[in-house]
Amino acid sequence: QIEPIPSGNLPPGFDPSTCRNVYVGNIHSQVTEPLLQEVFASTGPVEGCKLIRKEKSSYGFVHYFDRRSAALAILWCFL
């Protein structure tokens, strides 16, 4: 059985039928990978995350086990 994917204000180019990864931009310098994973686990189980530190701004990727959690995380970020 296929889980329903949330619809709504998902960004252009996001394919909820295949995407399990979420890009997170403008991350504060004090945020760690464990904290990023903990925050985004509120929408579903997180497989892992990657934080890329840059001098002026950091960004990261959160990898979910399932598509539904990734779509919920994106919708949650727009609230």
C-alpha atoms as a PDB file:
ATOM      1  CA  GLN A   1       0.000   0.000   0.000  1.00  0.00           C
ATOM      2  CA  ILE A   2       1.290   3.441  -0.935  1.00  0.00           C
ATOM      3  CA  GLU A   3       1.022   6.191   1.675  1.00  0.00           C
ATOM      4  CA  PRO A   4      -0.656   9.413   0.585  1.00  0.00           C
ATOM      5  CA  ILE A   5       1.769  12.255   0.030  1.00  0.00           C
ATOM      6  CA  PRO A   6       0.812  15.661   1.451  1.00  0.00           C
ATOM      7  CA  SER A   7       0.018  18.246  -1.160  1.00  0.00           C
ATOM      8  CA  GLY A   8      -0.162  21.973  -0.893  1.00  0.00           C
ATOM      9  CA  ASN A   9       2.624  24.488  -1.090  1.00  0.00           C
ATOM     10  CA  LEU A  10       5.437  22.159  -2.056  1.00  0.00           C
ATOM     11  CA  PRO A  11       8.141  24.036  -3.978  1.00  0.00           C
ATOM     12  CA  PRO A  12       8.427  23.789  -7.766  1.00  0.00           C
ATOM     13  CA  GLY A  13      10.549  20.855  -8.826  1.00  0.00           C
ATOM     14  CA  PHE A  14       9.875  18.810  -5.687  1.00  0.00           C
ATOM     15  CA  ASP A  15       8.731  15.356  -6.748  1.00  0.00           C
ATOM     16  CA  PRO A  16       6.867  13.893  -3.743  1.00  0.00           C
ATOM     17  CA  SER A  17       6.719  10.487  -5.427  1.00  0.00           C
ATOM     18  CA  THR A  18      10.499   9.975  -5.274  1.00  0.00           C
ATOM     19  CA  CYS A  19      12.201  12.597  -3.093  1.00  0.00           C
ATOM     20  CA  ARG A  20      13.429  11.590   0.371  1.00  0.00           C
ATOM     21  CA  ASN A  21      15.975  14.405   0.842  1.00  0.00           C
ATOM     22  CA  VAL A  22      15.397  17.930   2.091  1.00  0.00           C
ATOM     23  CA  TYR A  23      17.734  20.891   1.602  1.00  0.00           C
ATOM     24  CA  VAL A  24      18.033  23.255   4.579  1.00  0.00           C
ATOM     25  CA  GLY A  25      19.648  26.628   4.011  1.00  0.00           C
ATOM     26  CA  ASN A  26      20.911  29.494   6.172  1.00  0.00           C
ATOM     27  CA  ILE A  27      21.737  27.302   9.162  1.00  0.00           C
ATOM     28  CA  HIS A  28      23.005  29.108  12.253  1.00  0.00           C
ATOM     29  CA  SER A  29      26.670  28.509  13.094  1.00  0.00           C
ATOM     30  CA  GLN A  30      25.818  26.858  16.441  1.00  0.00           C
ATOM     31  CA  VAL A  31      23.612  24.172  14.886  1.00  0.00           C
ATOM     32  CA  THR A  32      25.193  20.702  14.862  1.00  0.00           C
ATOM     33  CA  GLU A  33      24.320  17.639  12.771  1.00  0.00           C
ATOM     34  CA  PRO A  34      22.705  15.902  15.782  1.00  0.00           C
ATOM     35  CA  LEU A  35      20.569  18.984  16.473  1.00  0.00           C
ATOM     36  CA  LEU A  36      19.556  19.265  12.824  1.00  0.00           C
ATOM     37  CA  GLN A  37      18.543  15.605  12.839  1.00  0.00           C
ATOM     38  CA  GLU A  38      16.611  15.996  16.099  1.00  0.00           C
ATOM     39  CA  VAL A  39      14.643  18.995  14.841  1.00  0.00           C
ATOM     40  CA  PHE A  40      13.706  17.387  11.529  1.00  0.00           C
ATOM     41  CA  ALA A  41      12.816  14.056  13.136  1.00  0.00           C
ATOM     42  CA  SER A  42       9.577  15.727  14.238  1.00  0.00           C
ATOM     43  CA  THR A  43       8.114  14.970  10.797  1.00  0.00           C
ATOM     44  CA  GLY A  44       9.342  11.373  10.589  1.00  0.00           C
ATOM     45  CA  PRO A  45      12.304   9.036  11.066  1.00  0.00           C
ATOM     46  CA  VAL A  46      15.543  10.511   9.723  1.00  0.00           C
ATOM     47  CA  GLU A  47      18.045   8.220   8.007  1.00  0.00           C
ATOM     48  CA  GLY A  48      20.824  10.781   8.412  1.00  0.00           C
ATOM     49  CA  CYS A  49      21.869  14.333   7.725  1.00  0.00           C
ATOM     50  CA  LYS A  50      24.839  16.240   6.374  1.00  0.00           C
ATOM     51  CA  LEU A  51      25.833  19.734   7.454  1.00  0.00           C
ATOM     52  CA  ILE A  52      28.101  21.786   5.196  1.00  0.00           C
ATOM     53  CA  ARG A  53      29.805  24.679   6.922  1.00  0.00           C
ATOM     54  CA  LYS A  54      30.733  27.752   4.920  1.00  0.00           C
ATOM     55  CA  GLU A  55      32.333  30.945   6.155  1.00  0.00           C
ATOM     56  CA  LYS A  56      29.252  33.130   5.805  1.00  0.00           C
ATOM     57  CA  SER A  57      26.375  30.665   5.736  1.00  0.00           C
ATOM     58  CA  SER A  58      25.925  26.960   6.312  1.00  0.00           C
ATOM     59  CA  TYR A  59      23.486  24.550   4.716  1.00  0.00           C
ATOM     60  CA  GLY A  60      22.592  20.918   4.992  1.00  0.00           C
ATOM     61  CA  PHE A  61      20.605  17.964   3.753  1.00  0.00           C
ATOM     62  CA  VAL A  62      18.248  15.802   5.775  1.00  0.00           C
ATOM     63  CA  HIS A  63      17.730  12.272   4.447  1.00  0.00           C
ATOM     64  CA  TYR A  64      14.480  10.556   5.394  1.00  0.00           C
ATOM     65  CA  PHE A  65      13.593   6.878   5.201  1.00  0.00           C
ATOM     66  CA  ASP A  66      10.350   7.689   3.374  1.00  0.00           C
ATOM     67  CA  ARG A  67       8.966  10.250   0.927  1.00  0.00           C
ATOM     68  CA  ARG A  68       6.027  11.258   3.113  1.00  0.00           C
ATOM     69  CA  SER A  69       8.300  12.499   5.918  1.00  0.00           C
ATOM     70  CA  ALA A  70      10.366  14.563   3.466  1.00  0.00           C
ATOM     71  CA  ALA A  71       7.237  16.187   2.040  1.00  0.00           C
ATOM     72  CA  LEU A  72       5.943  16.931   5.544  1.00  0.00           C
ATOM     73  CA  ALA A  73       9.282  18.507   6.487  1.00  0.00           C
ATOM     74  CA  ILE A  74       9.113  20.845   3.494  1.00  0.00           C
ATOM     75  CA  LEU A  75       5.535  21.816   4.284  1.00  0.00           C
ATOM     76  CA  TRP A  76       6.512  22.306   7.943  1.00  0.00           C
ATOM     77  CA  CYS A  77       9.318  24.700   6.928  1.00  0.00           C
ATOM     78  CA  PHE A  78       6.810  26.911   5.098  1.00  0.00           C
ATOM     79  CA  LEU A  79       4.549  27.361   8.133  1.00  0.00           C
END
